[in-house]
């Protein structure tokens, strides 16, 4: 089950459970749409994976108890601004790997 982190790891903007601006990689690193598109070039600075829109967990029990009341989201903020020198090296490595696949 997804953790649903409450904020962007880079800029620390709030990303509530119903935010359409939240993006996650396959390891659930969480960033906002703005950072992903304008700063990170859709490459996770933590793992090198790409990002997808984070699914929305319902806040109302529509069926079977599958909602935030039974499965709360995380309240722990993880604020670790990206080192863009290191990120540019990662981007080069990821692109080189993809080009040679």
Protein backbone atom coordinates (compact mmCIF):
# COMPACT_ATOMS: atom_id res chain seq x y z
CA UNK A 1 0.00 0.00 0.00
CA UNK A 2 1.27 3.47 -0.87
CA UNK A 3 2.51 5.64 1.97
CA UNK A 4 1.14 8.89 0.41
CA UNK A 5 3.73 11.40 1.62
CA UNK A 6 2.37 14.86 2.50
CA UNK A 7 4.87 17.11 0.69
CA UNK A 8 7.37 17.57 -2.13
CA UNK A 9 10.81 16.32 -1.11
CA UNK A 10 12.50 19.24 -2.90
CA UNK A 11 10.43 22.39 -2.38
CA UNK A 12 8.41 21.12 0.61
CA UNK A 13 5.08 22.30 -0.84
CA UNK A 14 2.02 20.58 0.65
CA UNK A 15 0.69 17.66 -1.39
CA UNK A 16 -2.56 16.60 0.29
CA UNK A 17 -3.97 13.13 -0.28
CA UNK A 18 -6.21 14.42 -3.10
CA UNK A 19 -3.55 16.52 -4.86
CA UNK A 20 -3.37 16.16 -8.63
CA UNK A 21 0.08 17.82 -8.46
CA UNK A 22 1.81 14.93 -6.64
CA UNK A 23 4.24 12.74 -8.59
CA UNK A 24 5.92 9.54 -7.39
CA UNK A 25 8.60 7.19 -8.68
CA UNK A 26 8.41 3.42 -8.18
CA UNK A 27 10.06 3.82 -4.77
CA UNK A 28 7.44 6.42 -3.75
CA UNK A 29 9.86 9.32 -3.77
CA UNK A 30 7.40 12.20 -3.85
CA UNK A 31 7.75 15.49 -5.68
CA UNK A 32 5.38 18.13 -7.01
CA UNK A 33 4.54 18.49 -10.69
CA UNK A 34 6.46 21.76 -10.94
CA UNK A 35 9.71 20.29 -9.62
CA UNK A 36 9.39 17.14 -11.74
CA UNK A 37 8.71 19.01 -14.97
CA UNK A 38 10.80 22.15 -14.52
CA UNK A 39 13.75 21.08 -12.38
CA UNK A 40 14.16 17.31 -12.46
CA UNK A 41 13.46 16.53 -16.12
CA UNK A 42 11.17 13.68 -15.02
CA UNK A 43 14.12 11.84 -13.42
CA UNK A 44 14.01 10.96 -9.73
CA UNK A 45 17.10 12.38 -8.01
CA UNK A 46 17.05 9.52 -5.51
CA UNK A 47 16.88 6.51 -7.85
CA UNK A 48 16.97 7.65 -11.47
CA UNK A 49 13.47 6.37 -12.23
CA UNK A 50 10.70 8.31 -13.87
CA UNK A 51 7.62 9.81 -12.26
CA UNK A 52 3.91 9.11 -12.53
CA UNK A 53 0.87 10.92 -11.15
CA UNK A 54 0.32 9.72 -7.59
CA UNK A 55 -3.00 7.87 -7.23
CA UNK A 56 -5.67 9.46 -5.06
CA UNK A 57 -6.70 7.55 -1.96
CA UNK A 58 -10.38 8.15 -1.24
CA UNK A 59 -11.22 10.04 1.95
CA UNK A 60 -14.73 8.52 1.98
CA UNK A 61 -15.50 4.82 2.33
CA UNK A 62 -17.08 4.09 -1.05
CA UNK A 63 -16.45 0.35 -0.85
CA UNK A 64 -14.96 -2.20 1.50
CA UNK A 65 -13.26 0.15 3.95
CA UNK A 66 -10.66 1.22 1.40
CA UNK A 67 -10.21 4.86 2.36
CA UNK A 68 -8.00 7.09 4.48
CA UNK A 69 -10.05 6.36 7.60
CA UNK A 70 -8.82 2.76 7.59
CA UNK A 71 -5.56 3.37 5.74
CA UNK A 72 -4.20 6.76 6.86
CA UNK A 73 -1.61 8.61 4.84
CA UNK A 74 1.80 9.61 6.17
CA UNK A 75 2.20 12.83 8.11
CA UNK A 76 5.99 12.66 8.09
CA UNK A 77 7.54 15.27 5.83
CA UNK A 78 10.77 14.41 4.02
CA UNK A 79 12.45 17.63 2.94
CA UNK A 80 15.74 17.02 1.19
CA UNK A 81 16.39 19.62 -1.52
CA UNK A 82 18.01 18.28 -4.68
CA UNK A 83 21.72 18.80 -5.30
CA UNK A 84 21.55 19.84 -8.95
CA UNK A 85 25.22 19.15 -9.65
CA UNK A 86 24.72 15.53 -8.60
CA UNK A 87 21.36 15.39 -10.38
CA UNK A 88 22.92 16.48 -13.68
CA UNK A 89 25.43 13.61 -13.37
CA UNK A 90 22.58 11.19 -12.69
CA UNK A 91 20.63 12.48 -15.70
CA UNK A 92 23.64 11.88 -17.96
CA UNK A 93 24.08 8.34 -16.64
CA UNK A 94 20.38 7.50 -17.02
CA UNK A 95 20.22 8.91 -20.55
CA UNK A 96 23.42 7.08 -21.53
CA UNK A 97 21.96 3.80 -20.23
CA UNK A 98 18.63 4.32 -22.03
CA UNK A 99 20.39 5.21 -25.27
CA UNK A 100 22.44 1.99 -25.15
CA UNK A 101 19.55 -0.37 -24.34
